[in-house]
């Protein structure tokens, strides 16, 4: 599978939602609570995502999600090599990140 072929794969809406929660660093039990599904279903979705993208761990899922959802100004310009990305303001990005609730203990 070539590197560009991962760009052509489209996750389902539920997979995209799960990828976002993984990218936020949530554990399976918290993802299950948030999505109102069982932990077994969360594990099944993670397995499907890993097979679909040929990934080996959750960190790679988070990276794929970040690459697919990054604003165009932050993505690497594929038409011109060596183009520098637009300036990034981390404080602004952090201020826009919503808080995530966790499952009760």
PDB file of N, CA and C in Angstrom:
ATOM      1  N   UNK A   1       0.857  -1.181   0.000  1.00  0.00           N
ATOM      2  CA  UNK A   1       0.000   0.000   0.000  1.00  0.00           C
ATOM      3  C   UNK A   1       0.895   1.233   0.000  1.00  0.00           C
ATOM      4  N   UNK A   2       0.676   2.110  -0.952  1.00  0.00           N
ATOM      5  CA  UNK A   2       1.495   3.316  -1.030  1.00  0.00           C
ATOM      6  C   UNK A   2       1.054   4.323   0.024  1.00  0.00           C
ATOM      7  N   UNK A   3       1.922   5.288   0.398  1.00  0.00           N
ATOM      8  CA  UNK A   3       1.564   6.275   1.415  1.00  0.00           C
ATOM      9  C   UNK A   3       0.319   7.073   1.055  1.00  0.00           C
ATOM     10  N   UNK A   4       0.111   7.353  -0.245  1.00  0.00           N
ATOM     11  CA  UNK A   4      -1.041   8.146  -0.654  1.00  0.00           C
ATOM     12  C   UNK A   4      -2.351   7.366  -0.578  1.00  0.00           C
ATOM     13  N   UNK A   5      -2.297   6.039  -0.582  1.00  0.00           N
ATOM     14  CA  UNK A   5      -3.527   5.260  -0.566  1.00  0.00           C
ATOM     15  C   UNK A   5      -4.284   5.426   0.753  1.00  0.00           C
ATOM     16  N   UNK A   6      -3.597   5.750   1.855  1.00  0.00           N
ATOM     17  CA  UNK A   6      -4.279   6.001   3.128  1.00  0.00           C
ATOM     18  C   UNK A   6      -5.147   7.251   3.036  1.00  0.00           C
ATOM     19  N   UNK A   7      -4.770   8.191   2.158  1.00  0.00           N
ATOM     20  CA  UNK A   7      -5.551   9.409   1.974  1.00  0.00           C
ATOM     21  C   UNK A   7      -6.890   9.105   1.316  1.00  0.00           C
ATOM     22  N   UNK A   8      -6.959   8.048   0.502  1.00  0.00           N
ATOM     23  CA  UNK A   8      -8.185   7.744  -0.217  1.00  0.00           C
ATOM     24  C   UNK A   8      -9.171   6.930   0.624  1.00  0.00           C
ATOM     25  N   UNK A   9      -8.735   6.400   1.758  1.00  0.00           N
ATOM     26  CA  UNK A   9      -9.619   5.630   2.630  1.00  0.00           C
ATOM     27  C   UNK A   9     -10.467   6.596   3.446  1.00  0.00           C
ATOM     28  N   UNK A  10     -11.757   6.329   3.485  1.00  0.00           N
ATOM     29  CA  UNK A  10     -12.661   7.200   4.228  1.00  0.00           C
ATOM     30  C   UNK A  10     -13.239   6.437   5.417  1.00  0.00           C
ATOM     31  N   UNK A  11     -13.032   6.946   6.637  1.00  0.00           N
ATOM     32  CA  UNK A  11     -13.625   6.279   7.798  1.00  0.00           C
ATOM     33  C   UNK A  11     -15.131   6.550   7.856  1.00  0.00           C
ATOM     34  N   UNK A  12     -15.858   5.640   8.482  1.00  0.00           N
ATOM     35  CA  UNK A  12     -17.286   5.848   8.690  1.00  0.00           C
ATOM     36  C   UNK A  12     -17.442   6.978   9.711  1.00  0.00           C
ATOM     37  N   UNK A  13     -18.626   7.575   9.801  1.00  0.00           N
ATOM     38  CA  UNK A  13     -18.821   8.619  10.820  1.00  0.00           C
ATOM     39  C   UNK A  13     -18.497   8.131  12.235  1.00  0.00           C
ATOM     40  N   UNK A  14     -18.863   6.897  12.563  1.00  0.00           N
ATOM     41  CA  UNK A  14     -18.588   6.368  13.901  1.00  0.00           C
ATOM     42  C   UNK A  14     -17.093   6.165  14.100  1.00  0.00           C
ATOM     43  N   UNK A  15     -16.405   5.659  13.082  1.00  0.00           N
ATOM     44  CA  UNK A  15     -14.952   5.496  13.175  1.00  0.00           C
ATOM     45  C   UNK A  15     -14.271   6.848  13.358  1.00  0.00           C
ATOM     46  N   UNK A  16     -14.744   7.861  12.638  1.00  0.00           N
ATOM     47  CA  UNK A  16     -14.181   9.205  12.761  1.00  0.00           C
ATOM     48  C   UNK A  16     -14.364   9.731  14.181  1.00  0.00           C
ATOM     49  N   UNK A  17     -15.545   9.497  14.745  1.00  0.00           N
ATOM     50  CA  UNK A  17     -15.824   9.922  16.119  1.00  0.00           C
ATOM     51  C   UNK A  17     -14.890   9.214  17.104  1.00  0.00           C
ATOM     52  N   UNK A  18     -14.715   7.923  16.893  1.00  0.00           N
ATOM     53  CA  UNK A  18     -13.842   7.142  17.762  1.00  0.00           C
ATOM     54  C   UNK A  18     -12.385   7.584  17.615  1.00  0.00           C
ATOM     55  N   UNK A  19     -11.963   7.866  16.396  1.00  0.00           N
ATOM     56  CA  UNK A  19     -10.596   8.330  16.152  1.00  0.00           C
ATOM     57  C   UNK A  19     -10.342   9.656  16.869  1.00  0.00           C
ATOM     58  N   UNK A  20     -11.347  10.529  16.870  1.00  0.00           N
ATOM     59  CA  UNK A  20     -11.206  11.815  17.554  1.00  0.00           C
ATOM     60  C   UNK A  20     -10.991  11.594  19.050  1.00  0.00           C
ATOM     61  N   UNK A  21     -11.751  10.690  19.647  1.00  0.00           N
ATOM     62  CA  UNK A  21     -11.631  10.443  21.080  1.00  0.00           C
ATOM     63  C   UNK A  21     -10.294   9.787  21.419  1.00  0.00           C
ATOM     64  N   UNK A  22      -9.818   8.919  20.540  1.00  0.00           N
ATOM     65  CA  UNK A  22      -8.486   8.323  20.728  1.00  0.00           C
ATOM     66  C   UNK A  22      -7.430   9.415  20.641  1.00  0.00           C
ATOM     67  N   UNK A  23      -7.577  10.315  19.666  1.00  0.00           N
ATOM     68  CA  UNK A  23      -6.616  11.416  19.503  1.00  0.00           C
ATOM     69  C   UNK A  23      -6.605  12.326  20.727  1.00  0.00           C
ATOM     70  N   UNK A  24      -7.713  12.406  21.436  1.00  0.00           N
ATOM     71  CA  UNK A  24      -7.777  13.197  22.672  1.00  0.00           C
ATOM     72  C   UNK A  24      -7.179  12.449  23.859  1.00  0.00           C
ATOM     73  N   UNK A  25      -6.755  11.207  23.637  1.00  0.00           N
ATOM     74  CA  UNK A  25      -6.091  10.449  24.681  1.00  0.00           C
ATOM     75  C   UNK A  25      -7.023   9.679  25.595  1.00  0.00           C
ATOM     76  N   UNK A  26      -8.259   9.470  25.173  1.00  0.00           N
ATOM     77  CA  UNK A  26      -9.221   8.778  26.033  1.00  0.00           C
ATOM     78  C   UNK A  26      -8.992   7.269  26.033  1.00  0.00           C
ATOM     79  N   UNK A  27      -9.265   6.647  27.168  1.00  0.00           N
ATOM     80  CA  UNK A  27      -9.177   5.198  27.307  1.00  0.00           C
ATOM     81  C   UNK A  27     -10.449   4.561  26.764  1.00  0.00           C
ATOM     82  N   UNK A  28     -10.375   3.249  26.488  1.00  0.00           N
ATOM     83  CA  UNK A  28     -11.524   2.532  25.934  1.00  0.00           C
ATOM     84  C   UNK A  28     -12.777   2.675  26.791  1.00  0.00           C
ATOM     85  N   UNK A  29     -12.645   2.575  28.125  1.00  0.00           N
ATOM     86  CA  UNK A  29     -13.834   2.649  28.973  1.00  0.00           C
ATOM     87  C   UNK A  29     -14.465   4.032  28.904  1.00  0.00           C
ATOM     88  N   UNK A  30     -13.650   5.073  28.781  1.00  0.00           N
ATOM     89  CA  UNK A  30     -14.184   6.430  28.673  1.00  0.00           C
ATOM     90  C   UNK A  30     -14.816   6.671  27.302  1.00  0.00           C
ATOM     91  N   UNK A  31     -14.223   6.082  26.272  1.00  0.00           N
ATOM     92  CA  UNK A  31     -14.802   6.179  24.933  1.00  0.00           C
ATOM     93  C   UNK A  31     -16.155   5.474  24.927  1.00  0.00           C
ATOM     94  N   UNK A  32     -16.216   4.293  25.523  1.00  0.00           N
ATOM     95  CA  UNK A  32     -17.469   3.542  25.599  1.00  0.00           C
ATOM     96  C   UNK A  32     -18.546   4.345  26.311  1.00  0.00           C
ATOM     97  N   UNK A  33     -18.176   4.980  27.407  1.00  0.00           N
ATOM     98  CA  UNK A  33     -19.119   5.800  28.166  1.00  0.00           C
ATOM     99  C   UNK A  33     -19.597   6.985  27.324  1.00  0.00           C
ATOM    100  N   UNK A  34     -18.677   7.648  26.677  1.00  0.00           N
ATOM    101  CA  UNK A  34     -18.990   8.833  25.865  1.00  0.00           C
ATOM    102  C   UNK A  34     -19.920   8.487  24.700  1.00  0.00           C
ATOM    103  N   UNK A  35     -19.663   7.350  24.047  1.00  0.00           N
ATOM    104  CA  UNK A  35     -20.443   6.961  22.871  1.00  0.00           C
ATOM    105  C   UNK A  35     -21.637   6.068  23.216  1.00  0.00           C
ATOM    106  N   UNK A  36     -21.752   5.715  24.494  1.00  0.00           N
ATOM    107  CA  UNK A  36     -22.840   4.844  24.978  1.00  0.00           C
ATOM    108  C   UNK A  36     -22.851   3.495  24.256  1.00  0.00           C
ATOM    109  N   UNK A  37     -21.644   2.907  24.174  1.00  0.00           N
ATOM    110  CA  UNK A  37     -21.471   1.578  23.605  1.00  0.00           C
ATOM    111  C   UNK A  37     -20.610   0.771  24.565  1.00  0.00           C
ATOM    112  N   UNK A  38     -20.494  -0.526  24.328  1.00  0.00           N
ATOM    113  CA  UNK A  38     -19.680  -1.358  25.217  1.00  0.00           C
ATOM    114  C   UNK A  38     -18.199  -1.222  24.877  1.00  0.00           C
ATOM    115  N   UNK A  39     -17.354  -1.594  25.852  1.00  0.00           N
ATOM    116  CA  UNK A  39     -15.906  -1.585  25.602  1.00  0.00           C
ATOM    117  C   UNK A  39     -15.551  -2.570  24.495  1.00  0.00           C
ATOM    118  N   UNK A  40     -16.280  -3.681  24.417  1.00  0.00           N
ATOM    119  CA  UNK A  40     -16.024  -4.648  23.342  1.00  0.00           C
ATOM    120  C   UNK A  40     -16.280  -4.020  21.981  1.00  0.00           C
ATOM    121  N   UNK A  41     -17.309  -3.204  21.872  1.00  0.00           N
ATOM    122  CA  UNK A  41     -17.596  -2.517  20.612  1.00  0.00           C
ATOM    123  C   UNK A  41     -16.504  -1.510  20.297  1.00  0.00           C
ATOM    124  N   UNK A  42     -16.007  -0.819  21.310  1.00  0.00           N
ATOM    125  CA  UNK A  42     -14.893   0.116  21.114  1.00  0.00           C
ATOM    126  C   UNK A  42     -13.692  -0.644  20.570  1.00  0.00           C
ATOM    127  N   UNK A  43     -13.372  -1.778  21.175  1.00  0.00           N
ATOM    128  CA  UNK A  43     -12.227  -2.580  20.716  1.00  0.00           C
ATOM    129  C   UNK A  43     -12.436  -3.056  19.275  1.00  0.00           C
ATOM    130  N   UNK A  44     -13.678  -3.420  18.945  1.00  0.00           N
ATOM    131  CA  UNK A  44     -13.978  -3.861  17.572  1.00  0.00           C
ATOM    132  C   UNK A  44     -13.749  -2.716  16.583  1.00  0.00           C
ATOM    133  N   UNK A  45     -14.225  -1.518  16.915  1.00  0.00           N
ATOM    134  CA  UNK A  45     -14.011  -0.356  16.044  1.00  0.00           C
ATOM    135  C   UNK A  45     -12.520  -0.069  15.889  1.00  0.00           C
ATOM    136  N   UNK A  46     -11.774  -0.133  16.977  1.00  0.00           N
ATOM    137  CA  UNK A  46     -10.327   0.122  16.917  1.00  0.00           C
ATOM    138  C   UNK A  46      -9.662  -0.908  16.003  1.00  0.00           C
ATOM    139  N   UNK A  47     -10.047  -2.174  16.146  1.00  0.00           N
ATOM    140  CA  UNK A  47      -9.504  -3.222  15.279  1.00  0.00           C
ATOM    141  C   UNK A  47      -9.817  -2.965  13.810  1.00  0.00           C
ATOM    142  N   UNK A  48     -11.058  -2.524  13.531  1.00  0.00           N
ATOM    143  CA  UNK A  48     -11.444  -2.219  12.145  1.00  0.00           C
ATOM    144  C   UNK A  48     -10.624  -1.066  11.589  1.00  0.00           C
ATOM    145  N   UNK A  49     -10.436  -0.028  12.399  1.00  0.00           N
ATOM    146  CA  UNK A  49      -9.645   1.127  11.967  1.00  0.00           C
ATOM    147  C   UNK A  49      -8.211   0.700  11.696  1.00  0.00           C
ATOM    148  N   UNK A  50      -7.639  -0.105  12.581  1.00  0.00           N
ATOM    149  CA  UNK A  50      -6.246  -0.548  12.418  1.00  0.00           C
ATOM    150  C   UNK A  50      -6.087  -1.388  11.154  1.00  0.00           C
ATOM    151  N   UNK A  51      -7.052  -2.267  10.885  1.00  0.00           N
ATOM    152  CA  UNK A  51      -6.992  -3.072   9.659  1.00  0.00           C
ATOM    153  C   UNK A  51      -7.150  -2.197   8.422  1.00  0.00           C
ATOM    154  N   UNK A  52      -8.123  -1.288   8.471  1.00  0.00           N
ATOM    155  CA  UNK A  52      -8.419  -0.434   7.317  1.00  0.00           C
ATOM    156  C   UNK A  52      -7.209   0.405   6.913  1.00  0.00           C
ATOM    157  N   UNK A  53      -6.520   0.956   7.899  1.00  0.00           N
ATOM    158  CA  UNK A  53      -5.375   1.832   7.631  1.00  0.00           C
ATOM    159  C   UNK A  53      -4.036   1.105   7.765  1.00  0.00           C
ATOM    160  N   UNK A  54      -4.075  -0.181   8.110  1.00  0.00           N
ATOM    161  CA  UNK A  54      -2.853  -0.977   8.332  1.00  0.00           C
ATOM    162  C   UNK A  54      -1.966  -0.337   9.398  1.00  0.00           C
ATOM    163  N   UNK A  55      -2.571  -0.081  10.552  1.00  0.00           N
ATOM    164  CA  UNK A  55      -1.872   0.542  11.675  1.00  0.00           C
ATOM    165  C   UNK A  55      -1.592  -0.506  12.741  1.00  0.00           C
ATOM    166  N   UNK A  56      -0.711  -0.160  13.702  1.00  0.00           N
ATOM    167  CA  UNK A  56      -0.331  -1.109  14.727  1.00  0.00           C
ATOM    168  C   UNK A  56      -0.608  -0.632  16.139  1.00  0.00           C
ATOM    169  N   UNK A  57      -0.951   0.651  16.315  1.00  0.00           N
ATOM    170  CA  UNK A  57      -1.241   1.119  17.674  1.00  0.00           C
ATOM    171  C   UNK A  57      -2.123   2.362  17.651  1.00  0.00           C
ATOM    172  N   UNK A  58      -2.586   2.751  18.840  1.00  0.00           N
ATOM    173  CA  UNK A  58      -3.498   3.882  19.000  1.00  0.00           C
ATOM    174  C   UNK A  58      -2.858   5.209  18.613  1.00  0.00           C
ATOM    175  N   UNK A  59      -1.563   5.321  18.830  1.00  0.00           N
ATOM    176  CA  UNK A  59      -0.873   6.555  18.475  1.00  0.00           C
ATOM    177  C   UNK A  59      -0.973   6.799  16.975  1.00  0.00           C
ATOM    178  N   UNK A  60      -0.845   5.746  16.200  1.00  0.00           N
ATOM    179  CA  UNK A  60      -0.963   5.879  14.755  1.00  0.00           C
ATOM    180  C   UNK A  60      -2.377   6.288  14.353  1.00  0.00           C
ATOM    181  N   UNK A  61      -3.381   5.802  15.073  1.00  0.00           N
ATOM    182  CA  UNK A  61      -4.766   6.222  14.815  1.00  0.00           C
ATOM    183  C   UNK A  61      -4.888   7.720  15.047  1.00  0.00           C
ATOM    184  N   UNK A  62      -4.323   8.201  16.147  1.00  0.00           N
ATOM    185  CA  UNK A  62      -4.383   9.632  16.462  1.00  0.00           C
ATOM    186  C   UNK A  62      -3.687  10.460  15.385  1.00  0.00           C
ATOM    187  N   UNK A  63      -2.572   9.964  14.868  1.00  0.00           N
ATOM    188  CA  UNK A  63      -1.838  10.690  13.833  1.00  0.00           C
ATOM    189  C   UNK A  63      -2.658  10.749  12.546  1.00  0.00           C
ATOM    190  N   UNK A  64      -3.249   9.628  12.152  1.00  0.00           N
ATOM    191  CA  UNK A  64      -4.090   9.601  10.943  1.00  0.00           C
ATOM    192  C   UNK A  64      -5.243  10.580  11.098  1.00  0.00           C
ATOM    193  N   UNK A  65      -5.880  10.587  12.269  1.00  0.00           N
ATOM    194  CA  UNK A  65      -6.992  11.511  12.513  1.00  0.00           C
ATOM    195  C   UNK A  65      -6.515  12.962  12.395  1.00  0.00           C
ATOM    196  N   UNK A  66      -5.383  13.260  13.014  1.00  0.00           N
ATOM    197  CA  UNK A  66      -4.860  14.629  12.976  1.00  0.00           C
ATOM    198  C   UNK A  66      -4.541  15.054  11.545  1.00  0.00           C
ATOM    199  N   UNK A  67      -3.975  14.161  10.763  1.00  0.00           N
ATOM    200  CA  UNK A  67      -3.642  14.497   9.380  1.00  0.00           C
ATOM    201  C   UNK A  67      -4.888  14.723   8.535  1.00  0.00           C
ATOM    202  N   UNK A  68      -5.930  13.939   8.782  1.00  0.00           N
ATOM    203  CA  UNK A  68      -7.161  14.069   7.999  1.00  0.00           C
ATOM    204  C   UNK A  68      -7.975  15.297   8.392  1.00  0.00           C
ATOM    205  N   UNK A  69      -7.826  15.776   9.619  1.00  0.00           N
ATOM    206  CA  UNK A  69      -8.657  16.885  10.082  1.00  0.00           C
ATOM    207  C   UNK A  69      -7.913  18.206  10.195  1.00  0.00           C
ATOM    208  N   UNK A  70      -6.629  18.199   9.925  1.00  0.00           N
ATOM    209  CA  UNK A  70      -5.850  19.435  10.030  1.00  0.00           C
ATOM    210  C   UNK A  70      -6.326  20.437   8.980  1.00  0.00           C
ATOM    211  N   UNK A  71      -6.348  21.717   9.345  1.00  0.00           N
ATOM    212  CA  UNK A  71      -6.716  22.733   8.351  1.00  0.00           C
ATOM    213  C   UNK A  71      -5.744  22.693   7.174  1.00  0.00           C
ATOM    214  N   UNK A  72      -6.236  23.057   6.018  1.00  0.00           N
ATOM    215  CA  UNK A  72      -5.388  23.033   4.829  1.00  0.00           C
ATOM    216  C   UNK A  72      -4.118  23.848   5.006  1.00  0.00           C
ATOM    217  N   UNK A  73      -4.188  24.932   5.770  1.00  0.00           N
ATOM    218  CA  UNK A  73      -3.009  25.777   5.961  1.00  0.00           C
ATOM    219  C   UNK A  73      -1.906  25.068   6.744  1.00  0.00           C
ATOM    220  N   UNK A  74      -2.261  24.007   7.488  1.00  0.00           N
ATOM    221  CA  UNK A  74      -1.256  23.284   8.267  1.00  0.00           C
ATOM    222  C   UNK A  74      -0.763  22.021   7.578  1.00  0.00           C
ATOM    223  N   UNK A  75      -1.477  21.584   6.542  1.00  0.00           N
ATOM    224  CA  UNK A  75      -1.067  20.372   5.842  1.00  0.00           C
ATOM    225  C   UNK A  75       0.108  20.655   4.934  1.00  0.00           C
ATOM    226  N   UNK A  76       0.884  19.631   4.712  1.00  0.00           N
ATOM    227  CA  UNK A  76       2.019  19.759   3.803  1.00  0.00           C
ATOM    228  C   UNK A  76       1.481  19.968   2.401  1.00  0.00           C
ATOM    229  N   UNK A  77       2.007  20.941   1.717  1.00  0.00           N
ATOM    230  CA  UNK A  77       1.591  21.227   0.350  1.00  0.00           C
ATOM    231  C   UNK A  77       2.141  20.124  -0.546  1.00  0.00           C
ATOM    232  N   UNK A  78       1.270  19.344  -1.147  1.00  0.00           N
ATOM    233  CA  UNK A  78       1.707  18.212  -1.964  1.00  0.00           C
ATOM    234  C   UNK A  78       2.069  18.627  -3.382  1.00  0.00           C
ATOM    235  N   UNK A  79       1.677  19.828  -3.766  1.00  0.00           N
ATOM    236  CA  UNK A  79       1.982  20.249  -5.128  1.00  0.00           C
ATOM    237  C   UNK A  79       3.346  20.914  -5.225  1.00  0.00           C
ATOM    238  N   UNK A  80       3.798  21.542  -4.153  1.00  0.00           N
ATOM    239  CA  UNK A  80       5.110  22.189  -4.133  1.00  0.00           C
ATOM    240  C   UNK A  80       5.946  21.565  -3.035  1.00  0.00           C
ATOM    241  N   UNK A  81       7.117  21.110  -3.342  1.00  0.00           N
ATOM    242  CA  UNK A  81       7.973  20.537  -2.299  1.00  0.00           C
ATOM    243  C   UNK A  81       8.751  21.641  -1.613  1.00  0.00           C
ATOM    244  N   UNK A  82       8.964  21.488  -0.317  1.00  0.00           N
ATOM    245  CA  UNK A  82       9.752  22.438   0.432  1.00  0.00           C
ATOM    246  C   UNK A  82       9.003  23.668   0.891  1.00  0.00           C
ATOM    247  N   UNK A  83       7.702  23.717   0.681  1.00  0.00           N
ATOM    248  CA  UNK A  83       6.932  24.884   1.115  1.00  0.00           C
ATOM    249  C   UNK A  83       6.783  24.863   2.628  1.00  0.00           C
ATOM    250  N   UNK A  84       7.017  25.994   3.254  1.00  0.00           N
ATOM    251  CA  UNK A  84       6.910  26.090   4.716  1.00  0.00           C
ATOM    252  C   UNK A  84       5.444  26.232   5.111  1.00  0.00           C
ATOM    253  N   UNK A  85       5.008  25.556   6.203  1.00  0.00           N
ATOM    254  CA  UNK A  85       3.623  25.690   6.650  1.00  0.00           C
ATOM    255  C   UNK A  85       3.378  27.076   7.236  1.00  0.00           C
ATOM    256  N   UNK A  86       2.111  27.456   7.276  1.00  0.00           N
ATOM    257  CA  UNK A  86       1.735  28.740   7.866  1.00  0.00           C
ATOM    258  C   UNK A  86       2.087  28.743   9.350  1.00  0.00           C
ATOM    259  N   UNK A  87       2.279  29.930   9.911  1.00  0.00           N
ATOM    260  CA  UNK A  87       2.634  30.004  11.323  1.00  0.00           C
ATOM    261  C   UNK A  87       1.491  29.457  12.179  1.00  0.00           C
ATOM    262  N   UNK A  88       1.854  28.773  13.239  1.00  0.00           N
ATOM    263  CA  UNK A  88       0.881  28.131  14.122  1.00  0.00           C
ATOM    264  C   UNK A  88       0.888  28.847  15.456  1.00  0.00           C
ATOM    265  N   UNK A  89      -0.282  29.079  16.009  1.00  0.00           N
ATOM    266  CA  UNK A  89      -0.403  29.707  17.310  1.00  0.00           C
ATOM    267  C   UNK A  89      -0.951  28.667  18.283  1.00  0.00           C
ATOM    268  N   UNK A  90      -0.059  27.944  19.002  1.00  0.00           N
ATOM    269  CA  UNK A  90      -0.493  26.859  19.874  1.00  0.00           C
ATOM    270  C   UNK A  90      -1.499  27.288  20.934  1.00  0.00           C
ATOM    271  N   UNK A  91      -1.320  28.455  21.524  1.00  0.00           N
ATOM    272  CA  UNK A  91      -2.237  28.893  22.576  1.00  0.00           C
ATOM    273  C   UNK A  91      -3.651  29.034  22.026  1.00  0.00           C
ATOM    274  N   UNK A  92      -3.756  29.503  20.803  1.00  0.00           N
ATOM    275  CA  UNK A  92      -5.060  29.659  20.172  1.00  0.00           C
ATOM    276  C   UNK A  92      -5.689  28.294  19.917  1.00  0.00           C
ATOM    277  N   UNK A  93      -4.890  27.332  19.465  1.00  0.00           N
ATOM    278  CA  UNK A  93      -5.399  25.984  19.211  1.00  0.00           C
ATOM    279  C   UNK A  93      -5.868  25.330  20.501  1.00  0.00           C
ATOM    280  N   UNK A  94      -5.116  25.498  21.580  1.00  0.00           N
ATOM    281  CA  UNK A  94      -5.503  24.908  22.856  1.00  0.00           C
ATOM    282  C   UNK A  94      -6.787  25.529  23.400  1.00  0.00           C
ATOM    283  N   UNK A  95      -6.966  26.808  23.188  1.00  0.00           N
ATOM    284  CA  UNK A  95      -8.154  27.493  23.685  1.00  0.00           C
ATOM    285  C   UNK A  95      -9.415  26.981  22.996  1.00  0.00           C
ATOM    286  N   UNK A  96      -9.286  26.458  21.779  1.00  0.00           N
ATOM    287  CA  UNK A  96     -10.434  25.977  21.029  1.00  0.00           C
ATOM    288  C   UNK A  96     -10.752  24.518  21.309  1.00  0.00           C
ATOM    289  N   UNK A  97      -9.883  23.807  22.024  1.00  0.00           N
ATOM    290  CA  UNK A  97     -10.088  22.388  22.306  1.00  0.00           C
ATOM    291  C   UNK A  97     -11.115  22.223  23.417  1.00  0.00           C
ATOM    292  N   UNK A  98     -12.237  21.539  23.125  1.00  0.00           N
ATOM    293  CA  UNK A  98     -13.254  21.368  24.159  1.00  0.00           C
ATOM    294  C   UNK A  98     -12.809  20.372  25.227  1.00  0.00           C
ATOM    295  N   UNK A  99     -13.308  20.547  26.449  1.00  0.00           N
ATOM    296  CA  UNK A  99     -12.988  19.623  27.538  1.00  0.00           C
ATOM    297  C   UNK A  99     -13.747  18.319  27.331  1.00  0.00           C
ATOM    298  N   UNK A 100     -13.126  17.230  27.737  1.00  0.00           N
ATOM    299  CA  UNK A 100     -13.717  15.907  27.572  1.00  0.00           C
ATOM    300  C   UNK A 100     -14.112  15.374  28.934  1.00  0.00           C
ATOM    301  N   UNK A 101     -15.348  14.919  29.065  1.00  0.00           N
ATOM    302  CA  UNK A 101     -15.771  14.312  30.323  1.00  0.00           C
ATOM    303  C   UNK A 101     -15.360  12.852  30.340  1.00  0.00           C
ATOM    304  N   UNK A 102     -15.088  12.342  31.519  1.00  0.00           N
ATOM    305  CA  UNK A 102     -14.680  10.955  31.645  1.00  0.00           C
ATOM    306  C   UNK A 102     -15.765  10.158  32.350  1.00  0.00           C
ATOM    307  N   UNK A 103     -15.688   8.866  32.189  1.00  0.00           N
ATOM    308  CA  UNK A 103     -16.668   7.985  32.821  1.00  0.00           C
ATOM    309  C   UNK A 103     -16.506   8.013  34.327  1.00  0.00           C
ATOM    310  N   UNK A 104     -17.605   7.893  35.060  1.00  0.00           N
ATOM    311  CA  UNK A 104     -17.486   7.844  36.519  1.00  0.00           C
ATOM    312  C   UNK A 104     -16.751   6.594  36.953  1.00  0.00           C
ATOM    313  N   UNK A 105     -16.029   6.694  38.033  1.00  0.00           N
ATOM    314  CA  UNK A 105     -15.251   5.548  38.543  1.00  0.00           C
ATOM    315  C   UNK A 105     -16.151   4.510  39.163  1.00  0.00           C
TER     316      UNK A 105
END
